Amino acid sequence: MPWWIWLVLTIAMIASLAAGTVYAIKHGLRALHTVGKVSAQFSKRFEAMAEPVESDPDQPAVFTQPLRVAAQRYSDAHVDVIKRDNRKRNRHVRQWARWDRFNNPEVPAQE
């Protein structure tokens, strides 16, 4: 091969290495900024978790009360969970009905 082909290949290789290095550095710096933002959010949330929480001083700890008190608290909390699940289910039913009417305009509304 003539000498100028080797020169072109060498220049192309050096340019490719330089472009790859610039690309890697650019994306590495962008990743560092993203990691910095995420770590700042983590530290803010961990600091919030480390702060003492004011507990209700009127009620003693649940393990010092009769078992029926804990059972009542559990059943009240479970009722709230069931209500929340029903609200979520109703929202999903309404959304699917809206999408069905959007995709099939000839279907009458069933609400």
PDB file of N, CA and C in Angstrom:
ATOM      1  N   MET A   1       0.852  -1.181   0.000  1.00  0.00           N
ATOM      2  CA  MET A   1       0.000   0.000   0.000  1.00  0.00           C
ATOM      3  C   MET A   1       0.894   1.239   0.000  1.00  0.00           C
ATOM      4  N   PRO A   2       0.426   2.276  -0.646  1.00  0.00           N
ATOM      5  CA  PRO A   2       1.209   3.511  -0.637  1.00  0.00           C
ATOM      6  C   PRO A   2       1.189   4.155   0.745  1.00  0.00           C
ATOM      7  N   TRP A   3       2.127   5.018   0.983  1.00  0.00           N
ATOM      8  CA  TRP A   3       2.290   5.638   2.299  1.00  0.00           C
ATOM      9  C   TRP A   3       1.110   6.522   2.665  1.00  0.00           C
ATOM     10  N   TRP A   4       0.469   7.151   1.716  1.00  0.00           N
ATOM     11  CA  TRP A   4      -0.618   8.085   2.021  1.00  0.00           C
ATOM     12  C   TRP A   4      -1.870   7.351   2.510  1.00  0.00           C
ATOM     13  N   ILE A   5      -2.054   6.090   2.116  1.00  0.00           N
ATOM     14  CA  ILE A   5      -3.194   5.312   2.635  1.00  0.00           C
ATOM     15  C   ILE A   5      -2.991   5.048   4.126  1.00  0.00           C
ATOM     16  N   TRP A   6      -1.746   4.709   4.494  1.00  0.00           N
ATOM     17  CA  TRP A   6      -1.464   4.503   5.916  1.00  0.00           C
ATOM     18  C   TRP A   6      -1.674   5.792   6.698  1.00  0.00           C
ATOM     19  N   LEU A   7      -1.333   6.897   6.129  1.00  0.00           N
ATOM     20  CA  LEU A   7      -1.528   8.188   6.775  1.00  0.00           C
ATOM     21  C   LEU A   7      -3.020   8.472   6.977  1.00  0.00           C
ATOM     22  N   VAL A   8      -3.824   8.200   5.957  1.00  0.00           N
ATOM     23  CA  VAL A   8      -5.276   8.410   6.062  1.00  0.00           C
ATOM     24  C   VAL A   8      -5.872   7.477   7.112  1.00  0.00           C
ATOM     25  N   LEU A   9      -5.447   6.216   7.109  1.00  0.00           N
ATOM     26  CA  LEU A   9      -5.950   5.261   8.104  1.00  0.00           C
ATOM     27  C   LEU A   9      -5.562   5.680   9.520  1.00  0.00           C
ATOM     28  N   THR A  10      -4.348   6.146   9.700  1.00  0.00           N
ATOM     29  CA  THR A  10      -3.886   6.580  11.020  1.00  0.00           C
ATOM     30  C   THR A  10      -4.661   7.804  11.489  1.00  0.00           C
ATOM     31  N   ILE A  11      -4.857   8.749  10.591  1.00  0.00           N
ATOM     32  CA  ILE A  11      -5.626   9.947  10.957  1.00  0.00           C
ATOM     33  C   ILE A  11      -7.071   9.573  11.288  1.00  0.00           C
ATOM     34  N   ALA A  12      -7.662   8.659  10.508  1.00  0.00           N
ATOM     35  CA  ALA A  12      -9.037   8.225  10.779  1.00  0.00           C
ATOM     36  C   ALA A  12      -9.125   7.522  12.128  1.00  0.00           C
ATOM     37  N   MET A  13      -8.116   6.689  12.438  1.00  0.00           N
ATOM     38  CA  MET A  13      -8.127   5.989  13.720  1.00  0.00           C
ATOM     39  C   MET A  13      -7.996   6.976  14.880  1.00  0.00           C
ATOM     40  N   ILE A  14      -7.111   7.941  14.753  1.00  0.00           N
ATOM     41  CA  ILE A  14      -6.931   8.928  15.819  1.00  0.00           C
ATOM     42  C   ILE A  14      -8.192   9.770  15.980  1.00  0.00           C
ATOM     43  N   ALA A  15      -8.816  10.142  14.860  1.00  0.00           N
ATOM     44  CA  ALA A  15     -10.066  10.910  14.931  1.00  0.00           C
ATOM     45  C   ALA A  15     -11.171  10.088  15.591  1.00  0.00           C
ATOM     46  N   SER A  16     -11.225   8.809  15.260  1.00  0.00           N
ATOM     47  CA  SER A  16     -12.233   7.936  15.870  1.00  0.00           C
ATOM     48  C   SER A  16     -11.999   7.797  17.375  1.00  0.00           C
ATOM     49  N   LEU A  17     -10.755   7.632  17.774  1.00  0.00           N
ATOM     50  CA  LEU A  17     -10.451   7.543  19.205  1.00  0.00           C
ATOM     51  C   LEU A  17     -10.785   8.846  19.921  1.00  0.00           C
ATOM     52  N   ALA A  18     -10.480   9.963  19.289  1.00  0.00           N
ATOM     53  CA  ALA A  18     -10.787  11.259  19.906  1.00  0.00           C
ATOM     54  C   ALA A  18     -12.296  11.449  20.033  1.00  0.00           C
ATOM     55  N   ALA A  19     -13.040  11.099  18.978  1.00  0.00           N
ATOM     56  CA  ALA A  19     -14.500  11.237  19.034  1.00  0.00           C
ATOM     57  C   ALA A  19     -15.087  10.327  20.113  1.00  0.00           C
ATOM     58  N   GLY A  20     -14.576   9.112  20.222  1.00  0.00           N
ATOM     59  CA  GLY A  20     -15.056   8.202  21.258  1.00  0.00           C
ATOM     60  C   GLY A  20     -14.751   8.706  22.651  1.00  0.00           C
ATOM     61  N   THR A  21     -13.571   9.280  22.821  1.00  0.00           N
ATOM     62  CA  THR A  21     -13.201   9.833  24.126  1.00  0.00           C
ATOM     63  C   THR A  21     -14.088  11.013  24.491  1.00  0.00           C
ATOM     64  N   VAL A  22     -14.327  11.901  23.529  1.00  0.00           N
ATOM     65  CA  VAL A  22     -15.205  13.050  23.783  1.00  0.00           C
ATOM     66  C   VAL A  22     -16.611  12.564  24.126  1.00  0.00           C
ATOM     67  N   TYR A  23     -17.100  11.575  23.384  1.00  0.00           N
ATOM     68  CA  TYR A  23     -18.435  11.023  23.635  1.00  0.00           C
ATOM     69  C   TYR A  23     -18.520  10.434  25.045  1.00  0.00           C
ATOM     70  N   ALA A  24     -17.516   9.646  25.418  1.00  0.00           N
ATOM     71  CA  ALA A  24     -17.525   9.012  26.741  1.00  0.00           C
ATOM     72  C   ALA A  24     -17.449  10.055  27.852  1.00  0.00           C
ATOM     73  N   ILE A  25     -16.613  11.061  27.684  1.00  0.00           N
ATOM     74  CA  ILE A  25     -16.493  12.097  28.718  1.00  0.00           C
ATOM     75  C   ILE A  25     -17.784  12.889  28.834  1.00  0.00           C
ATOM     76  N   LYS A  26     -18.367  13.237  27.694  1.00  0.00           N
ATOM     77  CA  LYS A  26     -19.615  14.007  27.693  1.00  0.00           C
ATOM     78  C   LYS A  26     -20.733  13.245  28.405  1.00  0.00           C
ATOM     79  N   HIS A  27     -20.904  11.972  28.069  1.00  0.00           N
ATOM     80  CA  HIS A  27     -21.961  11.189  28.706  1.00  0.00           C
ATOM     81  C   HIS A  27     -21.628  10.858  30.159  1.00  0.00           C
ATOM     82  N   GLY A  28     -20.356  10.717  30.469  1.00  0.00           N
ATOM     83  CA  GLY A  28     -19.962  10.495  31.856  1.00  0.00           C
ATOM     84  C   GLY A  28     -20.288  11.691  32.733  1.00  0.00           C
ATOM     85  N   LEU A  29     -20.027  12.892  32.232  1.00  0.00           N
ATOM     86  CA  LEU A  29     -20.363  14.097  33.002  1.00  0.00           C
ATOM     87  C   LEU A  29     -21.870  14.241  33.169  1.00  0.00           C
ATOM     88  N   ARG A  30     -22.624  13.922  32.122  1.00  0.00           N
ATOM     89  CA  ARG A  30     -24.080  13.980  32.233  1.00  0.00           C
ATOM     90  C   ARG A  30     -24.578  12.973  33.280  1.00  0.00           C
ATOM     91  N   ALA A  31     -23.977  11.789  33.288  1.00  0.00           N
ATOM     92  CA  ALA A  31     -24.363  10.785  34.285  1.00  0.00           C
ATOM     93  C   ALA A  31     -24.008  11.252  35.694  1.00  0.00           C
ATOM     94  N   LEU A  32     -22.877  11.908  35.848  1.00  0.00           N
ATOM     95  CA  LEU A  32     -22.501  12.417  37.170  1.00  0.00           C
ATOM     96  C   LEU A  32     -23.491  13.464  37.662  1.00  0.00           C
ATOM     97  N   HIS A  33     -23.962  14.329  36.769  1.00  0.00           N
ATOM     98  CA  HIS A  33     -24.961  15.322  37.170  1.00  0.00           C
ATOM     99  C   HIS A  33     -26.260  14.637  37.593  1.00  0.00           C
ATOM    100  N   THR A  34     -26.660  13.622  36.840  1.00  0.00           N
ATOM    101  CA  THR A  34     -27.887  12.899  37.184  1.00  0.00           C
ATOM    102  C   THR A  34     -27.740  12.191  38.525  1.00  0.00           C
ATOM    103  N   VAL A  35     -26.608  11.539  38.728  1.00  0.00           N
ATOM    104  CA  VAL A  35     -26.365  10.851  39.997  1.00  0.00           C
ATOM    105  C   VAL A  35     -26.335  11.856  41.139  1.00  0.00           C
ATOM    106  N   GLY A  36     -25.780  13.026  40.902  1.00  0.00           N
ATOM    107  CA  GLY A  36     -25.758  14.064  41.937  1.00  0.00           C
ATOM    108  C   GLY A  36     -27.155  14.507  42.327  1.00  0.00           C
ATOM    109  N   LYS A  37     -28.030  14.684  41.336  1.00  0.00           N
ATOM    110  CA  LYS A  37     -29.409  15.081  41.632  1.00  0.00           C
ATOM    111  C   LYS A  37     -30.137  13.989  42.410  1.00  0.00           C
ATOM    112  N   VAL A  38     -29.949  12.743  41.976  1.00  0.00           N
ATOM    113  CA  VAL A  38     -30.616  11.630  42.659  1.00  0.00           C
ATOM    114  C   VAL A  38     -30.099  11.490  44.085  1.00  0.00           C
ATOM    115  N   SER A  39     -28.797  11.615  44.270  1.00  0.00           N
ATOM    116  CA  SER A  39     -28.254  11.489  45.629  1.00  0.00           C
ATOM    117  C   SER A  39     -28.718  12.644  46.512  1.00  0.00           C
ATOM    118  N   ALA A  40     -28.910  13.832  45.938  1.00  0.00           N
ATOM    119  CA  ALA A  40     -29.438  14.950  46.729  1.00  0.00           C
ATOM    120  C   ALA A  40     -30.867  14.655  47.175  1.00  0.00           C
ATOM    121  N   GLN A  41     -31.667  14.074  46.282  1.00  0.00           N
ATOM    122  CA  GLN A  41     -33.031  13.712  46.668  1.00  0.00           C
ATOM    123  C   GLN A  41     -33.022  12.620  47.733  1.00  0.00           C
ATOM    124  N   PHE A  42     -32.133  11.625  47.575  1.00  0.00           N
ATOM    125  CA  PHE A  42     -32.034  10.574  48.583  1.00  0.00           C
ATOM    126  C   PHE A  42     -31.656  11.151  49.935  1.00  0.00           C
ATOM    127  N   SER A  43     -30.657  12.012  49.950  1.00  0.00           N
ATOM    128  CA  SER A  43     -30.212  12.553  51.236  1.00  0.00           C
ATOM    129  C   SER A  43     -31.303  13.400  51.872  1.00  0.00           C
ATOM    130  N   LYS A  44     -32.063  14.144  51.060  1.00  0.00           N
ATOM    131  CA  LYS A  44     -33.155  14.947  51.611  1.00  0.00           C
ATOM    132  C   LYS A  44     -34.213  14.039  52.243  1.00  0.00           C
ATOM    133  N   ARG A  45     -34.519  12.946  51.570  1.00  0.00           N
ATOM    134  CA  ARG A  45     -35.539  12.035  52.105  1.00  0.00           C
ATOM    135  C   ARG A  45     -35.034  11.274  53.319  1.00  0.00           C
ATOM    136  N   PHE A  46     -33.759  10.876  53.307  1.00  0.00           N
ATOM    137  CA  PHE A  46     -33.212  10.186  54.471  1.00  0.00           C
ATOM    138  C   PHE A  46     -33.137  11.114  55.678  1.00  0.00           C
ATOM    139  N   GLU A  47     -32.841  12.386  55.447  1.00  0.00           N
ATOM    140  CA  GLU A  47     -32.851  13.348  56.551  1.00  0.00           C
ATOM    141  C   GLU A  47     -34.260  13.493  57.117  1.00  0.00           C
ATOM    142  N   ALA A  48     -35.251  13.507  56.236  1.00  0.00           N
ATOM    143  CA  ALA A  48     -36.632  13.606  56.706  1.00  0.00           C
ATOM    144  C   ALA A  48     -37.016  12.368  57.508  1.00  0.00           C
ATOM    145  N   MET A  49     -36.510  11.197  57.109  1.00  0.00           N
ATOM    146  CA  MET A  49     -36.817   9.978  57.860  1.00  0.00           C
ATOM    147  C   MET A  49     -36.095   9.957  59.197  1.00  0.00           C
ATOM    148  N   ALA A  50     -34.960  10.629  59.292  1.00  0.00           N
ATOM    149  CA  ALA A  50     -34.191  10.622  60.533  1.00  0.00           C
ATOM    150  C   ALA A  50     -34.769  11.563  61.578  1.00  0.00           C
ATOM    151  N   GLU A  51     -35.589  12.522  61.143  1.00  0.00           N
ATOM    152  CA  GLU A  51     -36.177  13.454  62.100  1.00  0.00           C
ATOM    153  C   GLU A  51     -37.171  12.722  62.999  1.00  0.00           C
ATOM    154  N   PRO A  52     -37.203  13.071  64.283  1.00  0.00           N
ATOM    155  CA  PRO A  52     -38.143  12.400  65.185  1.00  0.00           C
ATOM    156  C   PRO A  52     -39.586  12.761  64.830  1.00  0.00           C
ATOM    157  N   VAL A  53     -40.439  11.774  64.947  1.00  0.00           N
ATOM    158  CA  VAL A  53     -41.852  11.959  64.634  1.00  0.00           C
ATOM    159  C   VAL A  53     -42.617  12.111  65.939  1.00  0.00           C
ATOM    160  N   GLU A  54     -43.489  13.090  65.969  1.00  0.00           N
ATOM    161  CA  GLU A  54     -44.304  13.275  67.168  1.00  0.00           C
ATOM    162  C   GLU A  54     -45.379  12.192  67.202  1.00  0.00           C
ATOM    163  N   SER A  55     -45.328  11.361  68.221  1.00  0.00           N
ATOM    164  CA  SER A  55     -46.344  10.324  68.349  1.00  0.00           C
ATOM    165  C   SER A  55     -47.502  10.867  69.180  1.00  0.00           C
ATOM    166  N   ASP A  56     -48.605  10.180  69.105  1.00  0.00           N
ATOM    167  CA  ASP A  56     -49.793  10.603  69.841  1.00  0.00           C
ATOM    168  C   ASP A  56     -49.592  10.255  71.318  1.00  0.00           C
ATOM    169  N   PRO A  57     -49.405  11.236  72.197  1.00  0.00           N
ATOM    170  CA  PRO A  57     -49.120  10.929  73.599  1.00  0.00           C
ATOM    171  C   PRO A  57     -50.352  10.425  74.361  1.00  0.00           C
ATOM    172  N   ASP A  58     -51.553  10.601  73.789  1.00  0.00           N
ATOM    173  CA  ASP A  58     -52.764  10.172  74.487  1.00  0.00           C
ATOM    174  C   ASP A  58     -52.918   8.656  74.481  1.00  0.00           C
ATOM    175  N   GLN A  59     -52.379   7.982  73.477  1.00  0.00           N
ATOM    176  CA  GLN A  59     -52.544   6.535  73.382  1.00  0.00           C
ATOM    177  C   GLN A  59     -51.243   5.838  73.760  1.00  0.00           C
ATOM    178  N   PRO A  60     -51.337   4.871  74.648  1.00  0.00           N
ATOM    179  CA  PRO A  60     -50.131   4.105  74.975  1.00  0.00           C
ATOM    180  C   PRO A  60     -49.775   3.165  73.818  1.00  0.00           C
ATOM    181  N   ALA A  61     -48.618   2.558  73.896  1.00  0.00           N
ATOM    182  CA  ALA A  61     -48.183   1.632  72.853  1.00  0.00           C
ATOM    183  C   ALA A  61     -49.176   0.488  72.725  1.00  0.00           C
ATOM    184  N   VAL A  62     -49.351  -0.003  71.497  1.00  0.00           N
ATOM    185  CA  VAL A  62     -50.380  -1.007  71.238  1.00  0.00           C
ATOM    186  C   VAL A  62     -50.083  -2.319  71.966  1.00  0.00           C
ATOM    187  N   PHE A  63     -48.808  -2.633  72.203  1.00  0.00           N
ATOM    188  CA  PHE A  63     -48.515  -3.898  72.881  1.00  0.00           C
ATOM    189  C   PHE A  63     -48.834  -3.847  74.372  1.00  0.00           C
ATOM    190  N   THR A  64     -49.133  -2.663  74.915  1.00  0.00           N
ATOM    191  CA  THR A  64     -49.516  -2.567  76.321  1.00  0.00           C
ATOM    192  C   THR A  64     -51.025  -2.577  76.495  1.00  0.00           C
ATOM    193  N   GLN A  65     -51.763  -2.590  75.398  1.00  0.00           N
ATOM    194  CA  GLN A  65     -53.224  -2.570  75.453  1.00  0.00           C
ATOM    195  C   GLN A  65     -53.763  -3.971  75.200  1.00  0.00           C
ATOM    196  N   PRO A  66     -55.034  -4.174  75.496  1.00  0.00           N
ATOM    197  CA  PRO A  66     -55.628  -5.484  75.227  1.00  0.00           C
ATOM    198  C   PRO A  66     -55.598  -5.810  73.730  1.00  0.00           C
ATOM    199  N   LEU A  67     -55.655  -7.086  73.427  1.00  0.00           N
ATOM    200  CA  LEU A  67     -55.568  -7.541  72.041  1.00  0.00           C
ATOM    201  C   LEU A  67     -56.735  -7.039  71.199  1.00  0.00           C
ATOM    202  N   ARG A  68     -57.895  -6.848  71.798  1.00  0.00           N
ATOM    203  CA  ARG A  68     -59.056  -6.388  71.028  1.00  0.00           C
ATOM    204  C   ARG A  68     -58.832  -4.979  70.481  1.00  0.00           C
ATOM    205  N   VAL A  69     -58.031  -4.156  71.186  1.00  0.00           N
ATOM    206  CA  VAL A  69     -57.735  -2.807  70.690  1.00  0.00           C
ATOM    207  C   VAL A  69     -56.902  -2.901  69.411  1.00  0.00           C
ATOM    208  N   ALA A  70     -55.891  -3.764  69.427  1.00  0.00           N
ATOM    209  CA  ALA A  70     -55.070  -3.950  68.226  1.00  0.00           C
ATOM    210  C   ALA A  70     -55.901  -4.536  67.094  1.00  0.00           C
ATOM    211  N   ALA A  71     -56.793  -5.474  67.421  1.00  0.00           N
ATOM    212  CA  ALA A  71     -57.648  -6.069  66.393  1.00  0.00           C
ATOM    213  C   ALA A  71     -58.584  -5.022  65.801  1.00  0.00           C
ATOM    214  N   GLN A  72     -59.107  -4.137  66.642  1.00  0.00           N
ATOM    215  CA  GLN A  72     -59.998  -3.082  66.141  1.00  0.00           C
ATOM    216  C   GLN A  72     -59.231  -2.114  65.233  1.00  0.00           C
ATOM    217  N   ARG A  73     -58.021  -1.749  65.638  1.00  0.00           N
ATOM    218  CA  ARG A  73     -57.208  -0.869  64.789  1.00  0.00           C
ATOM    219  C   ARG A  73     -56.922  -1.530  63.445  1.00  0.00           C
ATOM    220  N   TYR A  74     -56.612  -2.825  63.484  1.00  0.00           N
ATOM    221  CA  TYR A  74     -56.329  -3.545  62.244  1.00  0.00           C
ATOM    222  C   TYR A  74     -57.563  -3.588  61.355  1.00  0.00           C
ATOM    223  N   SER A  75     -58.717  -3.876  61.937  1.00  0.00           N
ATOM    224  CA  SER A  75     -59.931  -3.961  61.118  1.00  0.00           C
ATOM    225  C   SER A  75     -60.293  -2.595  60.542  1.00  0.00           C
ATOM    226  N   ASP A  76     -60.097  -1.523  61.312  1.00  0.00           N
ATOM    227  CA  ASP A  76     -60.350  -0.178  60.777  1.00  0.00           C
ATOM    228  C   ASP A  76     -59.407   0.133  59.610  1.00  0.00           C
ATOM    229  N   ALA A  77     -58.156  -0.227  59.770  1.00  0.00           N
ATOM    230  CA  ALA A  77     -57.193   0.018  58.693  1.00  0.00           C
ATOM    231  C   ALA A  77     -57.525  -0.825  57.469  1.00  0.00           C
ATOM    232  N   HIS A  78     -57.992  -2.052  57.689  1.00  0.00           N
ATOM    233  CA  HIS A  78     -58.329  -2.927  56.563  1.00  0.00           C
ATOM    234  C   HIS A  78     -59.558  -2.411  55.820  1.00  0.00           C
ATOM    235  N   VAL A  79     -60.504  -1.841  56.543  1.00  0.00           N
ATOM    236  CA  VAL A  79     -61.672  -1.234  55.894  1.00  0.00           C
ATOM    237  C   VAL A  79     -61.215  -0.093  54.988  1.00  0.00           C
ATOM    238  N   ASP A  80     -60.274   0.711  55.460  1.00  0.00           N
ATOM    239  CA  ASP A  80     -59.742   1.794  54.623  1.00  0.00           C
ATOM    240  C   ASP A  80     -59.052   1.248  53.375  1.00  0.00           C
ATOM    241  N   VAL A  81     -58.333   0.139  53.519  1.00  0.00           N
ATOM    242  CA  VAL A  81     -57.668  -0.477  52.367  1.00  0.00           C
ATOM    243  C   VAL A  81     -58.701  -0.950  51.354  1.00  0.00           C
ATOM    244  N   ILE A  82     -59.766  -1.577  51.828  1.00  0.00           N
ATOM    245  CA  ILE A  82     -60.813  -2.058  50.920  1.00  0.00           C
ATOM    246  C   ILE A  82     -61.488  -0.885  50.213  1.00  0.00           C
ATOM    247  N   LYS A  83     -61.762   0.192  50.944  1.00  0.00           N
ATOM    248  CA  LYS A  83     -62.367   1.373  50.309  1.00  0.00           C
ATOM    249  C   LYS A  83     -61.446   1.948  49.239  1.00  0.00           C
ATOM    250  N   ARG A  84     -60.161   2.022  49.546  1.00  0.00           N
ATOM    251  CA  ARG A  84     -59.207   2.559  48.576  1.00  0.00           C
ATOM    252  C   ARG A  84     -59.139   1.669  47.335  1.00  0.00           C
ATOM    253  N   ASP A  85     -59.144   0.349  47.529  1.00  0.00           N
ATOM    254  CA  ASP A  85     -59.135  -0.565  46.386  1.00  0.00           C
ATOM    255  C   ASP A  85     -60.392  -0.411  45.539  1.00  0.00           C
ATOM    256  N   ASN A  86     -61.539  -0.233  46.189  1.00  0.00           N
ATOM    257  CA  ASN A  86     -62.786  -0.049  45.440  1.00  0.00           C
ATOM    258  C   ASN A  86     -62.769   1.255  44.653  1.00  0.00           C
ATOM    259  N   ARG A  87     -62.238   2.323  45.249  1.00  0.00           N
ATOM    260  CA  ARG A  87     -62.135   3.588  44.512  1.00  0.00           C
ATOM    261  C   ARG A  87     -61.220   3.431  43.298  1.00  0.00           C
ATOM    262  N   LYS A  88     -60.113   2.728  43.490  1.00  0.00           N
ATOM    263  CA  LYS A  88     -59.185   2.506  42.381  1.00  0.00           C
ATOM    264  C   LYS A  88     -59.852   1.674  41.285  1.00  0.00           C
ATOM    265  N   ARG A  89     -60.572   0.636  41.682  1.00  0.00           N
ATOM    266  CA  ARG A  89     -61.258  -0.214  40.707  1.00  0.00           C
ATOM    267  C   ARG A  89     -62.294   0.589  39.930  1.00  0.00           C
ATOM    268  N   ASN A  90     -63.053   1.451  40.628  1.00  0.00           N
ATOM    269  CA  ASN A  90     -64.058   2.273  39.950  1.00  0.00           C
ATOM    270  C   ASN A  90     -63.407   3.257  38.976  1.00  0.00           C
ATOM    271  N   ARG A  91     -62.276   3.838  39.365  1.00  0.00           N
ATOM    272  CA  ARG A  91     -61.564   4.736  38.443  1.00  0.00           C
ATOM    273  C   ARG A  91     -61.122   3.993  37.194  1.00  0.00           C
ATOM    274  N   HIS A  92     -60.629   2.779  37.376  1.00  0.00           N
ATOM    275  CA  HIS A  92     -60.181   1.995  36.229  1.00  0.00           C
ATOM    276  C   HIS A  92     -61.355   1.630  35.325  1.00  0.00           C
ATOM    277  N   VAL A  93     -62.485   1.273  35.914  1.00  0.00           N
ATOM    278  CA  VAL A  93     -63.664   0.936  35.106  1.00  0.00           C
ATOM    279  C   VAL A  93     -64.101   2.148  34.298  1.00  0.00           C
ATOM    280  N   ARG A  94     -64.139   3.323  34.930  1.00  0.00           N
ATOM    281  CA  ARG A  94     -64.532   4.539  34.204  1.00  0.00           C
ATOM    282  C   ARG A  94     -63.553   4.857  33.079  1.00  0.00           C
ATOM    283  N   GLN A  95     -62.264   4.691  33.355  1.00  0.00           N
ATOM    284  CA  GLN A  95     -61.264   4.997  32.322  1.00  0.00           C
ATOM    285  C   GLN A  95     -61.379   4.032  31.152  1.00  0.00           C
ATOM    286  N   TRP A  96     -61.558   2.738  31.443  1.00  0.00           N
ATOM    287  CA  TRP A  96     -61.696   1.774  30.353  1.00  0.00           C
ATOM    288  C   TRP A  96     -62.963   2.040  29.554  1.00  0.00           C
ATOM    289  N   ALA A  97     -64.034   2.446  30.216  1.00  0.00           N
ATOM    290  CA  ALA A  97     -65.268   2.781  29.494  1.00  0.00           C
ATOM    291  C   ALA A  97     -65.044   4.003  28.603  1.00  0.00           C
ATOM    292  N   ARG A  98     -64.323   4.989  29.107  1.00  0.00           N
ATOM    293  CA  ARG A  98     -64.026   6.180  28.302  1.00  0.00           C
ATOM    294  C   ARG A  98     -63.184   5.802  27.086  1.00  0.00           C
ATOM    295  N   TRP A  99     -62.191   4.938  27.271  1.00  0.00           N
ATOM    296  CA  TRP A  99     -61.363   4.516  26.144  1.00  0.00           C
ATOM    297  C   TRP A  99     -62.183   3.711  25.143  1.00  0.00           C
ATOM    298  N   ASP A 100     -63.109   2.884  25.648  1.00  0.00           N
ATOM    299  CA  ASP A 100     -63.945   2.085  24.756  1.00  0.00           C
ATOM    300  C   ASP A 100     -64.830   2.990  23.908  1.00  0.00           C
ATOM    301  N   ARG A 101     -65.392   4.039  24.523  1.00  0.00           N
ATOM    302  CA  ARG A 101     -66.217   4.981  23.751  1.00  0.00           C
ATOM    303  C   ARG A 101     -65.364   5.750  22.756  1.00  0.00           C
ATOM    304  N   PHE A 102     -64.133   6.066  23.121  1.00  0.00           N
ATOM    305  CA  PHE A 102     -63.248   6.801  22.216  1.00  0.00           C
ATOM    306  C   PHE A 102     -62.888   5.943  21.003  1.00  0.00           C
ATOM    307  N   ASN A 103     -62.595   4.671  21.241  1.00  0.00           N
ATOM    308  CA  ASN A 103     -62.179   3.786  20.156  1.00  0.00           C
ATOM    309  C   ASN A 103     -63.355   3.279  19.337  1.00  0.00           C
ATOM    310  N   ASN A 104     -64.540   3.226  19.935  1.00  0.00           N
ATOM    311  CA  ASN A 104     -65.742   2.761  19.248  1.00  0.00           C
ATOM    312  C   ASN A 104     -66.837   3.799  19.440  1.00  0.00           C
ATOM    313  N   PRO A 105     -66.883   4.838  18.627  1.00  0.00           N
ATOM    314  CA  PRO A 105     -67.858   5.914  18.861  1.00  0.00           C
ATOM    315  C   PRO A 105     -69.305   5.471  18.689  1.00  0.00           C
ATOM    316  N   GLU A 106     -69.543   4.348  17.992  1.00  0.00           N
ATOM    317  CA  GLU A 106     -70.926   3.904  17.817  1.00  0.00           C
ATOM    318  C   GLU A 106     -71.469   3.176  19.043  1.00  0.00           C
ATOM    319  N   VAL A 107     -70.603   2.815  20.000  1.00  0.00           N
ATOM    320  CA  VAL A 107     -71.046   2.138  21.218  1.00  0.00           C
ATOM    321  C   VAL A 107     -71.632   3.188  22.158  1.00  0.00           C
ATOM    322  N   PRO A 108     -72.878   3.003  22.615  1.00  0.00           N
ATOM    323  CA  PRO A 108     -73.470   3.993  23.528  1.00  0.00           C
ATOM    324  C   PRO A 108     -72.805   3.946  24.902  1.00  0.00           C
ATOM    325  N   ALA A 109     -72.895   5.052  25.600  1.00  0.00           N
ATOM    326  CA  ALA A 109     -72.326   5.147  26.949  1.00  0.00           C
ATOM    327  C   ALA A 109     -73.105   4.257  27.895  1.00  0.00           C
ATOM    328  N   GLN A 110     -72.404   3.572  28.802  1.00  0.00           N
ATOM    329  CA  GLN A 110     -73.050   2.652  29.735  1.00  0.00           C
ATOM    330  C   GLN A 110     -72.988   3.164  31.157  1.00  0.00           C
ATOM    331  N   GLU A 111     -72.809   4.443  31.348  1.00  0.00           N
ATOM    332  CA  GLU A 111     -72.708   4.982  32.716  1.00  0.00           C
ATOM    333  C   GLU A 111     -74.047   5.327  33.275  1.00  0.00           C
TER     334      GLU A 111
END
